[in-house]
């Protein structure tokens, strides 16, 4: 495996500053969705620590699902 491929296969972790540029709503609304089980839960980056992050793959899957749902709603 080439070095570039190896780097690309490492899971990316997004912090809030990155996530907020992807999703179209506020932090408080995001956490309300998390509490309702409608948005991926952030994971602690270090056991016992306060810092959290989201796997980029989970945010990507959520946004793709949201886009599909929007398209289906518009076609009804």
Protein backbone atom coordinates (compact mmCIF):
# COMPACT_ATOMS: atom_id res chain seq x y z
CA UNK A 1 0.00 0.00 0.00
CA UNK A 2 1.35 3.40 -0.92
CA UNK A 3 1.89 6.00 1.78
CA UNK A 4 -0.85 8.28 0.38
CA UNK A 5 -3.37 5.42 0.44
CA UNK A 6 -2.37 4.52 3.98
CA UNK A 7 -2.93 8.10 5.14
CA UNK A 8 -6.33 8.26 3.41
CA UNK A 9 -7.44 5.04 5.11
CA UNK A 10 -6.91 6.49 8.62
CA UNK A 11 -10.28 7.50 10.13
CA UNK A 12 -10.68 11.28 10.42
CA UNK A 13 -12.04 12.84 13.58
CA UNK A 14 -13.88 16.15 13.28
CA UNK A 15 -14.10 18.66 16.09
CA UNK A 16 -17.06 21.04 16.50
CA UNK A 17 -15.37 23.84 14.52
CA UNK A 18 -15.21 21.50 11.53
CA UNK A 19 -18.67 20.00 11.99
CA UNK A 20 -20.33 23.44 12.23
CA UNK A 21 -19.10 24.21 8.70
CA UNK A 22 -20.80 21.08 7.39
CA UNK A 23 -24.20 21.12 9.08
CA UNK A 24 -26.78 23.87 8.47
CA UNK A 25 -27.82 24.58 12.09
CA UNK A 26 -26.58 25.71 15.50
CA UNK A 27 -24.65 23.83 18.16
CA UNK A 28 -27.60 23.89 20.54
CA UNK A 29 -29.92 22.41 17.91
CA UNK A 30 -27.30 19.77 17.08
CA UNK A 31 -27.15 18.68 20.72
CA UNK A 32 -30.96 18.61 20.85
CA UNK A 33 -30.90 16.24 17.85
CA UNK A 34 -28.22 14.13 19.57
CA UNK A 35 -30.39 13.86 22.69
CA UNK A 36 -33.29 12.68 20.49
CA UNK A 37 -31.06 10.11 18.81
CA UNK A 38 -31.35 11.90 15.45
CA UNK A 39 -27.70 12.97 15.00
CA UNK A 40 -24.48 11.01 15.61
CA UNK A 41 -23.17 11.25 19.17
CA UNK A 42 -19.72 12.72 19.63
CA UNK A 43 -17.10 10.47 21.17
CA UNK A 44 -14.62 11.41 23.89
CA UNK A 45 -11.17 11.72 22.38
CA UNK A 46 -9.39 10.68 25.59
CA UNK A 47 -10.87 8.59 28.39
CA UNK A 48 -11.73 10.90 31.28
CA UNK A 49 -11.19 13.98 29.12
CA UNK A 50 -13.65 16.62 28.01
CA UNK A 51 -12.72 16.91 24.33
CA UNK A 52 -15.09 15.22 21.90
CA UNK A 53 -15.16 14.61 18.19
CA UNK A 54 -17.17 12.92 15.48
CA UNK A 55 -15.96 10.38 12.97
CA UNK A 56 -15.98 12.05 9.57
CA UNK A 57 -17.62 8.94 8.11
CA UNK A 58 -20.59 9.30 10.49
CA UNK A 59 -21.10 12.97 9.62
CA UNK A 60 -20.76 12.16 5.92
CA UNK A 61 -23.33 9.35 6.16
CA UNK A 62 -25.73 11.58 8.11
CA UNK A 63 -25.52 14.42 5.59
CA UNK A 64 -25.96 12.05 2.64
CA UNK A 65 -29.03 10.56 4.33
CA UNK A 66 -30.39 14.06 4.97
CA UNK A 67 -29.90 14.95 1.30
CA UNK A 68 -31.73 11.80 0.16
CA UNK A 69 -34.61 12.52 2.54
CA UNK A 70 -34.83 16.11 1.27
CA UNK A 71 -34.94 14.92 -2.34
CA UNK A 72 -37.65 12.38 -1.55
CA UNK A 73 -39.72 15.02 0.28
CA UNK A 74 -39.42 17.39 -2.68
CA UNK A 75 -40.57 14.66 -5.09
CA UNK A 76 -43.74 13.88 -3.14
